[in-house]
Amino acid sequence: MGIDAIFDTHNWALVPFHFWSLCFFTFGCMVGSFLNVCIYRMPLDLSVVSPPSHCPHCKYAIPFYLNIPLVTWLALKGRCKNCGAPISSRYFIVEMVTGLAFLSSWLKFGDMNLPLPALLLALVYGIFLAGLICATFIDFEHFIIPDEVTLGGIGVGFAISFLLPSLHNAKTNAEGMIQGLLGIVVGAGIIYAVLRLGKLLFGRQKIKLPPDTKIIFTETHVCLPDQQIPYEELFYRKSDTIVLQAQTVELVDRSYKNVAIRLSTAVLKIGDEKINPAGVPWLEAVSGEIILPREAMGFGDVKFMGAIGAFIGWQGALFSLMVSSLIGAAAGIILILLRKREWSSRMPYGPYIAAAAVIWLFGGKKLFHVLFPM
């Protein structure tokens, strides 16, 4: 068989449609196995390539025959073969969900009777959904969306918009590139505007703590009893300041009693004394209250929406913003009613943007055009 025959989609069309369905599901499960590595390692700034997959408890290097998506977890009943420690069901769930995402992408967009771009389109949307899955699980657990997902998604989405203009129903590469760029600008721009407005309206958060709570300030985080918050999530503007009235303050070389603390990127004020924050690697304060600068959402959400816009265009980005706000509001109210969260507690927004983007991909586009005929 010649090389031309191999790439002739007329020959591929002779293969049963659901053979390709099985291929997409299997490939998706394999991608899901890699996503599990990303979900665990990216927030810890660890390489997703080295070392190879291993048990998080005993560090046992997992051989390839014990790293089969879905099958291995079920066969071992969710436990490590070496030490018997439980392995989170998240590993199985991510593999299954990603497999179903690729399968759904094929069933929605794939058709071997169409030219090769139809196959590529189904594959691209599968990869896009994989990125949404990765971002969702990381954001739920760590309240961050890594740049590898957001900025990487922007770059990949923009490149594919040019190479595969059918991603945006465009006829030429140049038109596809323009549509991808427009999706990035509109998606990130809208969320950025919401972030700025939220900062003006809800820029401070007062957190009540149990009496005599120890609050630790490290070089990168402020550590409260139930969470560690990176400074990059708090200090968005130069005027952003952490404020508290401390009963005691301990530095490496000195201590204070009954003083006010004000920390910004430029200066640390303890009482009347001003200190360069860069020279304070560690500080411990005891207080029952802290006031934090607050964003309506994280800047990671801005970049995330830009990545989504690169793949589904400006209309999809606009739809995702509107629908995600409804989903987020509904989820927040339900959690409050179930006493799973408080009114003022943090809530990841990335998963709701991702859910809205999925709705757009599998039917929301028609709804958008009904509501906003153009």
Protein backbone atom coordinates (compact mmCIF):
# COMPACT_ATOMS: atom_id res chain seq x y z
CA MET A 1 0.00 0.00 0.00
CA GLY A 2 1.45 3.36 -1.07
CA ILE A 3 1.76 6.41 1.13
CA ASP A 4 -1.04 8.13 -0.77
CA ALA A 5 -3.40 5.27 -0.03
CA ILE A 6 -2.61 5.46 3.68
CA PHE A 7 -3.65 9.13 3.84
CA ASP A 8 -6.63 8.69 1.50
CA THR A 9 -9.68 9.31 3.71
CA HIS A 10 -11.83 7.31 1.28
CA ASN A 11 -9.97 4.21 2.48
CA TRP A 12 -10.34 5.26 6.11
CA ALA A 13 -14.09 5.69 5.58
CA LEU A 14 -14.36 1.95 4.88
CA VAL A 15 -13.50 1.27 8.52
CA PRO A 16 -16.62 1.06 10.76
CA PHE A 17 -17.45 4.42 12.36
CA HIS A 18 -17.41 3.06 15.91
CA PHE A 19 -13.97 1.54 15.44
CA TRP A 20 -12.83 5.17 15.40
CA SER A 21 -15.09 5.81 18.39
CA LEU A 22 -13.14 3.16 20.30
CA CYS A 23 -9.85 4.66 19.12
CA PHE A 24 -10.83 8.12 20.34
CA PHE A 25 -12.02 6.80 23.70
CA THR A 26 -8.84 4.77 24.20
CA PHE A 27 -6.61 7.65 23.19
CA GLY A 28 -8.58 9.96 25.49
CA CYS A 29 -8.01 7.62 28.45
CA MET A 30 -4.29 7.69 27.69
CA VAL A 31 -4.38 11.50 27.63
CA GLY A 32 -6.29 11.38 30.92
CA SER A 33 -3.47 9.34 32.46
CA PHE A 34 -1.06 12.11 31.50
CA LEU A 35 -3.50 14.74 32.84
CA ASN A 36 -3.32 13.04 36.24
CA VAL A 37 0.42 13.68 36.23
CA CYS A 38 -0.19 17.34 35.30
CA ILE A 39 -2.90 17.81 37.93
CA TYR A 40 -0.63 16.46 40.67
CA ARG A 41 2.69 18.03 39.63
CA MET A 42 1.94 21.38 37.99
CA PRO A 43 0.72 23.15 41.17
CA LEU A 44 3.88 21.92 42.92
CA ASP A 45 6.12 23.26 40.12
CA LEU A 46 7.36 19.74 39.39
CA SER A 47 8.32 18.39 35.99
CA VAL A 48 5.55 16.45 34.25
CA VAL A 49 8.18 14.39 32.40
CA SER A 50 10.68 13.33 35.05
CA PRO A 51 10.66 11.27 37.16
CA PRO A 52 8.35 8.67 35.57
CA SER A 53 5.01 7.81 37.18
CA HIS A 54 5.41 6.58 40.74
CA CYS A 55 3.39 5.95 43.88
CA PRO A 56 3.06 9.20 45.88
CA HIS A 57 3.37 7.21 49.12
CA CYS A 58 6.29 4.79 48.68
CA LYS A 59 7.79 6.31 45.49
CA TYR A 60 7.55 2.93 43.74
CA ALA A 61 8.27 3.45 40.02
CA ILE A 62 5.19 2.19 38.17
CA PRO A 63 6.09 -0.13 35.26
CA PHE A 64 4.24 0.28 31.96
CA TYR A 65 2.16 -2.87 32.48
CA LEU A 66 0.78 -1.38 35.72
CA ASN A 67 0.03 1.96 34.12
CA ILE A 68 -2.86 0.99 31.85
CA PRO A 69 -5.61 3.64 32.04
CA LEU A 70 -8.78 2.55 33.89
CA VAL A 71 -7.78 -1.14 33.91
CA THR A 72 -4.91 -0.90 36.41
CA TRP A 73 -6.86 1.13 38.97
CA LEU A 74 -9.77 -1.31 38.83
CA ALA A 75 -7.55 -4.42 38.88
CA LEU A 76 -5.62 -3.17 41.92
CA LYS A 77 -8.82 -1.90 43.58
CA GLY A 78 -7.40 1.61 43.85
CA ARG A 79 -4.28 0.61 45.75
CA CYS A 80 -0.54 0.67 45.11
CA LYS A 81 0.82 -2.70 43.97
CA ASN A 82 3.96 -2.21 46.07
CA CYS A 83 2.83 -0.73 49.41
CA GLY A 84 -0.93 -1.17 49.31
CA ALA A 85 -1.60 2.51 50.03
CA PRO A 86 -4.88 3.85 48.60
CA ILE A 87 -4.69 5.68 45.29
CA SER A 88 -7.26 8.46 44.91
CA SER A 89 -10.31 7.70 42.79
CA ARG A 90 -9.51 10.99 41.05
CA TYR A 91 -7.04 9.09 38.87
CA PHE A 92 -9.76 6.79 37.56
CA ILE A 93 -12.29 9.63 37.22
CA VAL A 94 -9.95 11.85 35.20
CA GLU A 95 -9.06 9.00 32.83
CA MET A 96 -12.71 8.09 32.34
CA VAL A 97 -13.91 11.67 31.88
CA THR A 98 -11.12 12.44 29.40
CA GLY A 99 -11.88 9.27 27.45
CA LEU A 100 -15.55 10.25 27.28
CA ALA A 101 -14.55 13.80 26.25
CA PHE A 102 -12.56 12.52 23.26
CA LEU A 103 -15.35 10.09 22.38
CA SER A 104 -17.93 12.90 22.53
CA SER A 105 -15.73 15.09 20.37
CA TRP A 106 -15.56 12.33 17.74
CA LEU A 107 -19.30 11.65 17.85
CA LYS A 108 -20.06 15.38 17.51
CA PHE A 109 -17.46 16.50 14.96
CA GLY A 110 -15.97 13.38 13.39
CA ASP A 111 -16.95 11.97 10.02
CA MET A 112 -14.58 9.82 7.97
CA ASN A 113 -16.62 10.56 4.85
CA LEU A 114 -15.49 14.19 5.05
CA PRO A 115 -12.00 15.51 4.25
CA LEU A 116 -9.13 15.08 6.70
CA PRO A 117 -9.84 18.40 8.52
CA ALA A 118 -13.00 16.82 9.97
CA LEU A 119 -10.87 14.18 11.71
CA LEU A 120 -8.39 16.80 12.85
CA LEU A 121 -11.20 19.01 14.15
CA ALA A 122 -12.51 16.20 16.37
CA LEU A 123 -8.98 15.61 17.65
CA VAL A 124 -8.39 19.33 18.33
CA TYR A 125 -11.62 19.65 20.28
CA GLY A 126 -10.65 16.55 22.27
CA ILE A 127 -7.37 18.22 23.22
CA PHE A 128 -9.26 21.42 24.08
CA LEU A 129 -11.59 19.47 26.38
CA ALA A 130 -8.56 17.81 27.98
CA GLY A 131 -7.19 21.26 28.82
CA LEU A 132 -10.52 22.21 30.41
CA ILE A 133 -10.48 19.02 32.50
CA CYS A 134 -6.93 19.67 33.69
CA ALA A 135 -7.72 23.29 34.63
CA THR A 136 -10.93 22.27 36.42
CA PHE A 137 -9.34 19.70 38.72
CA ILE A 138 -6.36 21.93 39.57
CA ASP A 139 -8.55 24.97 40.24
CA PHE A 140 -10.92 23.03 42.49
CA GLU A 141 -8.02 21.76 44.60
CA HIS A 142 -5.53 24.64 44.54
CA PHE A 143 -7.53 27.73 43.43
CA ILE A 144 -5.05 28.32 40.60
CA ILE A 145 -4.85 27.58 36.88
CA PRO A 146 -1.20 27.09 35.85
CA ASP A 147 0.29 29.16 33.04
CA GLU A 148 1.14 25.92 31.25
CA VAL A 149 -2.61 25.48 30.74
CA THR A 150 -3.65 29.10 30.18
CA LEU A 151 -0.76 30.68 28.29
CA GLY A 152 -0.02 27.35 26.64
CA GLY A 153 -3.67 27.12 25.59
CA ILE A 154 -3.56 30.62 24.12
CA GLY A 155 -0.48 29.76 22.06
CA VAL A 156 -1.77 26.39 20.87
CA GLY A 157 -5.25 27.74 20.12
CA PHE A 158 -3.85 30.65 18.12
CA ALA A 159 -1.56 28.36 16.11
CA ILE A 160 -4.35 25.88 15.37
CA SER A 161 -6.67 28.74 14.35
CA PHE A 162 -4.17 29.50 11.58
CA LEU A 163 -3.36 25.90 10.62
CA LEU A 164 -6.96 24.63 10.82
CA PRO A 165 -9.28 27.55 9.95
CA SER A 166 -12.33 25.26 10.10
CA LEU A 167 -11.96 25.57 13.88
CA HIS A 168 -13.71 28.92 13.46
CA ASN A 169 -15.69 28.05 10.30
CA ALA A 170 -13.18 30.20 8.39
CA LYS A 171 -12.26 29.59 4.77
CA THR A 172 -8.67 30.81 4.79
CA ASN A 173 -5.75 30.51 7.17
CA ALA A 174 -5.59 34.28 7.60
CA GLU A 175 -9.27 34.47 8.49
CA GLY A 176 -8.89 31.63 11.00
CA MET A 177 -5.93 33.41 12.61
CA ILE A 178 -7.91 36.64 12.90
CA GLN A 179 -10.85 34.82 14.48
CA GLY A 180 -8.54 33.11 16.96
CA LEU A 181 -6.90 36.40 17.89
CA LEU A 182 -10.29 38.07 18.27
CA GLY A 183 -11.41 35.25 20.57
CA ILE A 184 -8.32 35.74 22.75
CA VAL A 185 -8.77 39.50 22.97
CA VAL A 186 -12.51 39.41 23.67
CA GLY A 187 -12.30 36.48 26.09
CA ALA A 188 -9.43 37.85 28.18
CA GLY A 189 -10.62 41.45 27.84
CA ILE A 190 -14.11 40.80 29.19
CA ILE A 191 -12.85 38.89 32.21
CA TYR A 192 -10.20 41.53 32.86
CA ALA A 193 -12.91 44.21 32.87
CA VAL A 194 -14.94 42.15 35.35
CA LEU A 195 -11.85 41.71 37.51
CA ARG A 196 -11.18 45.46 37.59
CA LEU A 197 -14.81 46.28 38.39
CA GLY A 198 -14.87 43.66 41.13
CA LYS A 199 -11.73 45.16 42.62
CA LEU A 200 -13.43 48.53 42.90
CA LEU A 201 -16.60 47.09 44.44
CA PHE A 202 -15.26 44.24 46.60
CA GLY A 203 -11.58 45.04 47.03
CA ARG A 204 -11.22 44.09 50.72
CA GLN A 205 -12.07 40.92 52.60
CA LYS A 206 -12.20 40.85 56.41
CA ILE A 207 -11.55 37.35 57.75
CA LYS A 208 -12.49 36.56 61.33
CA LEU A 209 -10.20 34.01 62.94
CA PRO A 210 -10.25 32.14 66.26
CA PRO A 211 -8.59 34.13 69.06
CA ASP A 212 -4.80 33.83 69.23
CA THR A 213 -4.51 32.46 65.70
CA LYS A 214 -0.98 32.23 64.32
CA ILE A 215 -0.63 33.85 60.90
CA ILE A 216 2.59 33.04 59.06
CA PHE A 217 4.06 35.26 56.35
CA THR A 218 6.66 33.47 54.20
CA GLU A 219 8.54 34.79 51.19
CA THR A 220 5.75 33.61 48.85
CA HIS A 221 2.55 33.03 50.86
CA VAL A 222 0.43 34.22 53.75
CA CYS A 223 -0.51 31.09 55.70
CA LEU A 224 -3.85 30.96 57.53
CA PRO A 225 -5.05 27.94 59.52
CA ASP A 226 -7.04 26.52 56.61
CA GLN A 227 -5.29 27.85 53.51
CA GLN A 228 -2.10 29.24 52.01
CA ILE A 229 -2.61 32.23 49.73
CA PRO A 230 0.12 33.24 47.25
CA TYR A 231 1.00 36.93 47.36
CA GLU A 232 0.45 37.12 43.58
CA GLU A 233 -3.25 36.54 44.23
CA LEU A 234 -3.38 39.37 46.77
CA PHE A 235 -1.07 42.06 45.43
CA TYR A 236 -2.50 42.94 42.06
CA ARG A 237 -2.05 46.70 42.39
CA LYS A 238 0.66 48.66 44.19
CA SER A 239 -1.96 49.98 46.63
CA ASP A 240 -3.08 46.47 47.71
CA THR A 241 -2.31 45.99 51.40
CA ILE A 242 -2.73 43.26 54.01
CA VAL A 243 -3.83 44.76 57.34
CA LEU A 244 -4.11 43.26 60.83
CA GLN A 245 -3.83 44.23 64.47
CA ALA A 246 -1.39 41.77 66.05
CA GLN A 247 -1.11 40.80 69.70
CA THR A 248 2.46 39.63 69.09
CA VAL A 249 4.82 39.69 66.11
CA GLU A 250 7.87 37.47 65.76
CA LEU A 251 10.63 38.08 63.22
CA VAL A 252 13.87 36.15 62.93
CA ASP A 253 15.78 38.74 64.94
CA ARG A 254 13.18 40.68 66.98
CA SER A 255 9.61 40.76 68.31
CA TYR A 256 6.76 43.25 68.94
CA LYS A 257 3.57 43.41 71.02
CA ASN A 258 0.18 44.99 70.31
CA VAL A 259 1.06 46.59 66.98
CA ALA A 260 -0.64 47.15 63.66
CA ILE A 261 0.81 45.42 60.59
CA ARG A 262 0.44 46.72 57.04
CA LEU A 263 2.08 44.73 54.24
CA SER A 264 2.23 45.75 50.59
CA THR A 265 4.68 44.93 47.81
CA ALA A 266 6.66 48.08 48.61
CA VAL A 267 6.78 48.21 52.39
CA LEU A 268 6.13 46.28 55.60
CA LYS A 269 4.94 48.54 58.43
CA ILE A 270 5.00 47.17 61.97
CA GLY A 271 3.70 49.92 64.20
CA ASP A 272 5.66 53.02 63.19
CA GLU A 273 8.60 51.07 61.80
CA LYS A 274 8.99 50.65 58.02
CA ILE A 275 10.86 47.61 56.67
CA ASN A 276 11.71 46.40 53.18
CA PRO A 277 9.58 43.21 52.70
CA ALA A 278 12.35 41.62 50.62
CA GLY A 279 14.49 41.50 53.75
CA VAL A 280 11.89 39.64 55.83
CA PRO A 281 11.85 35.95 54.84
CA TRP A 282 9.54 34.93 57.69
CA LEU A 283 7.10 36.61 60.08
CA GLU A 284 4.67 35.17 62.60
CA ALA A 285 1.78 37.24 63.95
CA VAL A 286 -0.94 36.36 66.45
CA SER A 287 -4.34 37.90 65.77
CA GLY A 288 -8.06 37.18 65.57
CA GLU A 289 -8.69 39.06 62.35
CA ILE A 290 -6.99 39.89 59.05
CA ILE A 291 -8.02 42.10 56.15
CA LEU A 292 -6.88 40.92 52.73
CA PRO A 293 -7.02 42.64 49.36
CA ARG A 294 -9.42 40.69 47.17
CA GLU A 295 -10.15 40.22 43.48
CA ALA A 296 -13.52 39.33 41.99
CA MET A 297 -11.57 36.48 40.40
CA GLY A 298 -7.95 35.53 39.86
CA PHE A 299 -5.81 36.73 36.97
CA GLY A 300 -5.50 33.08 35.98
CA ASP A 301 -9.17 33.24 34.98
CA VAL A 302 -8.34 36.11 32.61
CA LYS A 303 -5.70 34.02 30.85
CA PHE A 304 -7.97 30.96 30.95
CA MET A 305 -10.75 32.81 29.15
CA GLY A 306 -8.20 33.99 26.59
CA ALA A 307 -7.25 30.35 25.93
CA ILE A 308 -10.91 29.37 25.60
CA GLY A 309 -11.54 32.23 23.19
CA ALA A 310 -8.61 31.06 21.05
CA PHE A 311 -10.42 27.76 20.47
CA ILE A 312 -14.10 28.75 20.34
CA GLY A 313 -13.93 32.38 19.17
CA TRP A 314 -15.29 35.61 20.58
CA GLN A 315 -18.91 34.48 20.51
CA GLY A 316 -18.05 31.35 22.47
CA ALA A 317 -16.06 33.42 24.98
CA LEU A 318 -18.97 35.81 25.45
CA PHE A 319 -21.38 32.89 25.88
CA SER A 320 -19.02 31.22 28.37
CA LEU A 321 -18.87 34.37 30.50
CA MET A 322 -22.66 34.71 30.67
CA VAL A 323 -23.42 31.05 31.31
CA SER A 324 -20.52 30.53 33.75
CA SER A 325 -21.86 33.33 35.95
CA LEU A 326 -25.23 31.55 36.10
CA ILE A 327 -23.63 28.19 36.82
CA GLY A 328 -21.34 29.69 39.47
CA ALA A 329 -24.19 31.54 41.17
CA ALA A 330 -26.37 28.43 41.23
CA ALA A 331 -23.52 26.27 42.56
CA GLY A 332 -22.67 28.85 45.24
CA ILE A 333 -26.25 29.11 46.47
CA ILE A 334 -26.63 25.33 46.58
CA LEU A 335 -23.39 24.92 48.55
CA ILE A 336 -24.46 27.63 50.99
CA LEU A 337 -27.85 26.00 51.49
CA LEU A 338 -26.12 22.67 52.08
CA ARG A 339 -23.80 24.44 54.54
CA LYS A 340 -20.76 23.41 52.50
CA ARG A 341 -19.42 26.96 52.29
CA GLU A 342 -19.89 30.46 53.75
CA TRP A 343 -20.97 33.60 51.87
CA SER A 344 -17.45 35.06 52.03
CA SER A 345 -15.44 31.89 51.33
CA ARG A 346 -13.31 31.53 48.23
CA MET A 347 -14.77 29.78 45.23
CA PRO A 348 -12.91 28.66 42.10
CA TYR A 349 -14.38 30.21 38.97
CA GLY A 350 -12.37 28.35 36.31
CA PRO A 351 -14.47 25.16 36.49
CA TYR A 352 -17.64 27.12 35.72
CA ILE A 353 -16.01 28.82 32.74
CA ALA A 354 -14.93 25.37 31.55
CA ALA A 355 -18.46 23.98 31.99
CA ALA A 356 -19.92 26.88 29.99
CA ALA A 357 -17.36 26.31 27.21
CA VAL A 358 -18.41 22.65 27.03
CA ILE A 359 -22.06 23.70 26.76
CA TRP A 360 -21.11 26.04 23.90
CA LEU A 361 -19.26 23.27 22.10
CA PHE A 362 -22.12 20.78 22.30
CA GLY A 363 -25.13 22.96 21.57
CA GLY A 364 -24.74 26.38 23.11
CA LYS A 365 -23.77 27.88 19.77
CA LYS A 366 -27.31 27.33 18.46
CA LEU A 367 -28.80 28.89 21.59
CA PHE A 368 -26.49 31.90 21.26
CA HIS A 369 -27.60 32.54 17.68
CA VAL A 370 -31.26 32.23 18.70
CA LEU A 371 -30.81 34.82 21.45
CA PHE A 372 -28.50 37.07 19.41
CA PRO A 373 -29.32 36.64 15.71
CA MET A 374 -26.68 38.20 13.49
